[in-house]
Amino acid sequence: MIQQRIVFLSAAGLAAALLLGACGSSTDQTAAGMSPGSTAPVATAASESATSAPAGSGHMATTTMLMAKTVKGMGSMVTDGKGMTLYRYDKDQPTPSKWTCAGECTKTWMPVMVQDSVQTMGVEKSLLGTVHRDGMKQLTLGGWPLYRYMGDTTAGQMNGQGKDEAWYAVTPSGKKSTMTS
């Protein structure tokens, strides 16, 4: 009798855990704060995280905040909510927004993805948009897809500036910074 109760309670607990887990795994964009078919995120609360992408596609970073930061000798640059410099790639296309950094490239240059919405401080919200990438949305500024550089390990660094004469910190207007640190 006791063994039957243990088996029954264990099965009931497992079933409850599976049901609760299924409740939190919705991917509905409307429920997440994105209107269907929209290209510009809507403002809500901010949080940042780095996530791994599907196998073989490198790394991605998610963000919900873009800020303009003045860097001594460099002018105003765009960072994520953690103060990490964001970059654009000259080989991408701004109109229509199209990314070209893929595979091995994304192990060094992490695409900046959005799940819900983006808040801005000093960055013109009308310049924000997204481009579809691997079933997700990569954030764009002035049409240019945005990236974080793996060589920037702390806020405020710009170690990716001018790399391969194609990667540049992005300004609040979506232009590339041509200054060197």
Protein backbone atom coordinates (compact mmCIF):
# COMPACT_ATOMS: atom_id res chain seq x y z
CA MET A 1 0.00 0.00 0.00
CA ILE A 2 2.81 2.46 0.87
CA GLN A 3 4.71 1.58 -2.32
CA GLN A 4 1.58 2.30 -4.38
CA ARG A 5 1.24 5.74 -2.74
CA ILE A 6 4.89 6.55 -3.42
CA VAL A 7 4.55 5.56 -7.08
CA PHE A 8 1.28 7.49 -7.40
CA LEU A 9 2.66 10.64 -5.74
CA SER A 10 5.85 10.47 -7.82
CA ALA A 11 3.84 10.21 -11.04
CA ALA A 12 1.55 13.06 -9.97
CA GLY A 13 4.55 15.25 -9.12
CA LEU A 14 6.22 14.53 -12.47
CA ALA A 15 3.00 15.32 -14.35
CA ALA A 16 2.60 18.62 -12.44
CA ALA A 17 6.21 19.63 -13.22
CA LEU A 18 5.74 18.90 -16.92
CA LEU A 19 2.52 20.92 -17.06
CA LEU A 20 4.09 23.90 -15.27
CA GLY A 21 7.10 23.77 -17.58
CA ALA A 22 4.84 23.84 -20.63
CA CYS A 23 3.05 26.93 -19.33
CA GLY A 24 6.25 29.02 -19.31
CA SER A 25 7.50 28.07 -22.79
CA SER A 26 5.22 30.18 -24.99
CA THR A 27 6.88 31.84 -27.97
CA ASP A 28 3.88 33.93 -28.99
CA GLN A 29 5.30 37.32 -30.02
CA THR A 30 2.07 39.17 -29.27
CA ALA A 31 2.15 37.92 -25.68
CA ALA A 32 5.82 38.91 -25.47
CA GLY A 33 5.13 42.56 -26.33
CA MET A 34 5.78 42.51 -30.09
CA SER A 35 2.89 43.30 -32.38
CA PRO A 36 2.50 40.76 -35.20
CA GLY A 37 4.55 41.75 -38.26
CA SER A 38 6.13 44.78 -36.58
CA THR A 39 9.74 45.68 -37.25
CA ALA A 40 10.22 48.17 -34.41
CA PRO A 41 10.16 46.90 -30.84
CA VAL A 42 7.85 48.47 -28.25
CA ALA A 43 9.17 49.91 -24.94
CA THR A 44 8.99 47.86 -21.72
CA ALA A 45 11.33 47.04 -18.82
CA ALA A 46 15.04 46.42 -19.48
CA SER A 47 17.23 43.38 -18.88
CA GLU A 48 20.30 41.95 -20.62
CA SER A 49 21.70 38.49 -21.19
CA ALA A 50 24.06 36.57 -23.45
CA THR A 51 22.68 33.38 -24.88
CA SER A 52 23.92 30.53 -27.01
CA ALA A 53 22.51 30.10 -30.48
CA PRO A 54 21.49 26.88 -32.15
CA ALA A 55 24.38 24.45 -32.70
CA GLY A 56 26.86 25.57 -35.34
CA SER A 57 25.60 29.14 -35.59
CA GLY A 58 27.91 30.82 -33.06
CA HIS A 59 26.70 33.03 -30.22
CA MET A 60 24.02 35.68 -29.80
CA ALA A 61 23.38 38.42 -27.28
CA THR A 62 19.93 39.66 -26.30
CA THR A 63 19.17 43.21 -25.21
CA THR A 64 16.25 45.40 -24.25
CA MET A 65 18.17 48.67 -23.82
CA LEU A 66 20.23 50.88 -26.13
CA MET A 67 22.09 53.87 -24.72
CA ALA A 68 24.24 56.61 -26.20
CA LYS A 69 27.52 56.90 -24.27
CA THR A 70 30.19 59.52 -24.81
CA VAL A 71 33.63 57.95 -25.05
CA LYS A 72 36.59 60.27 -24.55
CA GLY A 73 38.21 60.96 -27.91
CA MET A 74 35.60 58.90 -29.77
CA GLY A 75 32.38 60.87 -29.49
CA SER A 76 28.99 59.29 -28.86
CA MET A 77 28.62 55.51 -29.30
CA VAL A 78 25.75 53.08 -28.74
CA THR A 79 25.93 50.48 -25.98
CA ASP A 80 23.58 47.87 -24.64
CA GLY A 81 22.12 48.11 -21.13
CA LYS A 82 25.33 46.68 -19.63
CA GLY A 83 27.47 49.36 -21.30
CA MET A 84 28.94 46.99 -23.92
CA THR A 85 29.78 48.74 -27.20
CA LEU A 86 27.66 47.78 -30.20
CA TYR A 87 29.08 47.51 -33.71
CA ARG A 88 27.98 47.45 -37.32
CA TYR A 89 29.56 45.52 -40.18
CA ASP A 90 30.34 47.23 -43.50
CA LYS A 91 29.51 44.04 -45.44
CA ASP A 92 25.93 44.03 -44.12
CA GLN A 93 23.29 45.99 -46.02
CA PRO A 94 21.18 48.72 -44.42
CA THR A 95 18.42 48.91 -47.07
CA PRO A 96 16.83 46.47 -46.92
CA SER A 97 18.39 45.35 -43.66
CA LYS A 98 20.44 42.22 -44.36
CA TRP A 99 23.07 40.43 -42.27
CA THR A 100 26.09 38.67 -43.74
CA CYS A 101 28.04 37.69 -40.60
CA ALA A 102 27.23 33.98 -40.12
CA GLY A 103 28.81 30.73 -38.88
CA GLU A 104 32.36 31.29 -37.57
CA CYS A 105 31.85 35.06 -37.75
CA THR A 106 29.20 34.93 -35.01
CA LYS A 107 31.66 33.31 -32.62
CA THR A 108 33.56 36.60 -32.57
CA TRP A 109 30.76 39.04 -33.43
CA MET A 110 27.56 38.18 -31.53
CA PRO A 111 24.35 39.34 -33.25
CA VAL A 112 22.26 41.49 -30.89
CA MET A 113 18.84 39.88 -30.68
CA VAL A 114 15.56 41.19 -29.28
CA GLN A 115 12.86 39.06 -27.73
CA ASP A 116 10.41 41.60 -26.40
CA SER A 117 11.12 45.30 -26.76
CA VAL A 118 13.82 47.93 -26.55
CA GLN A 119 14.12 51.08 -24.46
CA THR A 120 16.42 53.86 -25.60
CA MET A 121 18.41 56.61 -23.93
CA GLY A 122 19.96 59.07 -26.38
CA VAL A 123 19.24 56.84 -29.38
CA GLU A 124 16.48 57.80 -31.83
CA LYS A 125 13.77 55.15 -31.45
CA SER A 126 12.49 55.74 -35.01
CA LEU A 127 15.82 54.37 -36.32
CA LEU A 128 15.31 50.99 -34.60
CA GLY A 129 14.13 47.92 -36.45
CA THR A 130 14.77 44.20 -36.74
CA VAL A 131 15.83 41.68 -39.35
CA HIS A 132 14.91 37.99 -39.19
CA ARG A 133 17.80 35.67 -38.27
CA ASP A 134 17.53 31.94 -37.49
CA GLY A 135 13.91 32.26 -36.36
CA MET A 136 14.70 35.24 -34.13
CA LYS A 137 14.96 39.01 -34.59
CA GLN A 138 18.29 40.81 -34.80
CA LEU A 139 18.17 44.47 -33.77
CA THR A 140 19.02 47.10 -36.37
CA LEU A 141 19.87 50.79 -36.04
CA GLY A 142 19.50 52.94 -39.13
CA GLY A 143 18.96 49.67 -41.01
CA TRP A 144 22.33 48.21 -39.93
CA PRO A 145 22.26 44.92 -37.98
CA LEU A 146 23.98 45.29 -34.57
CA TYR A 147 26.67 43.08 -32.99
CA ARG A 148 28.74 42.78 -29.80
CA TYR A 149 32.44 41.96 -30.01
CA MET A 150 33.76 39.03 -27.94
CA GLY A 151 37.02 40.94 -27.41
CA ASP A 152 35.18 43.58 -25.35
CA THR A 153 35.15 42.05 -21.87
CA THR A 154 34.07 45.06 -19.80
CA ALA A 155 31.74 47.99 -20.30
CA GLY A 156 33.17 50.89 -22.28
CA GLN A 157 35.76 48.91 -24.23
CA MET A 158 35.94 49.37 -28.02
CA ASN A 159 38.46 46.67 -28.97
CA GLY A 160 36.50 45.88 -32.13
CA GLN A 161 36.77 49.39 -33.56
CA GLY A 162 38.18 49.23 -37.09
CA LYS A 163 38.74 45.43 -37.03
CA ASP A 164 39.40 44.08 -40.52
CA GLU A 165 38.58 47.59 -41.78
CA ALA A 166 34.92 46.50 -41.72
CA TRP A 167 33.72 46.60 -38.08
CA TYR A 168 32.91 49.92 -36.44
CA ALA A 169 31.24 51.14 -33.28
CA VAL A 170 27.82 52.47 -34.18
CA THR A 171 26.75 56.05 -33.40
CA PRO A 172 23.27 56.96 -32.10
CA SER A 173 22.28 57.91 -35.67
CA GLY A 174 23.25 54.46 -37.00
CA LYS A 175 26.42 55.69 -38.68
CA LYS A 176 29.82 54.09 -38.17
CA SER A 177 32.42 55.73 -36.00
CA THR A 178 35.50 56.46 -38.08
CA MET A 179 37.63 57.51 -35.10
CA THR A 180 40.26 55.15 -33.75
CA SER A 181 40.93 54.70 -30.05
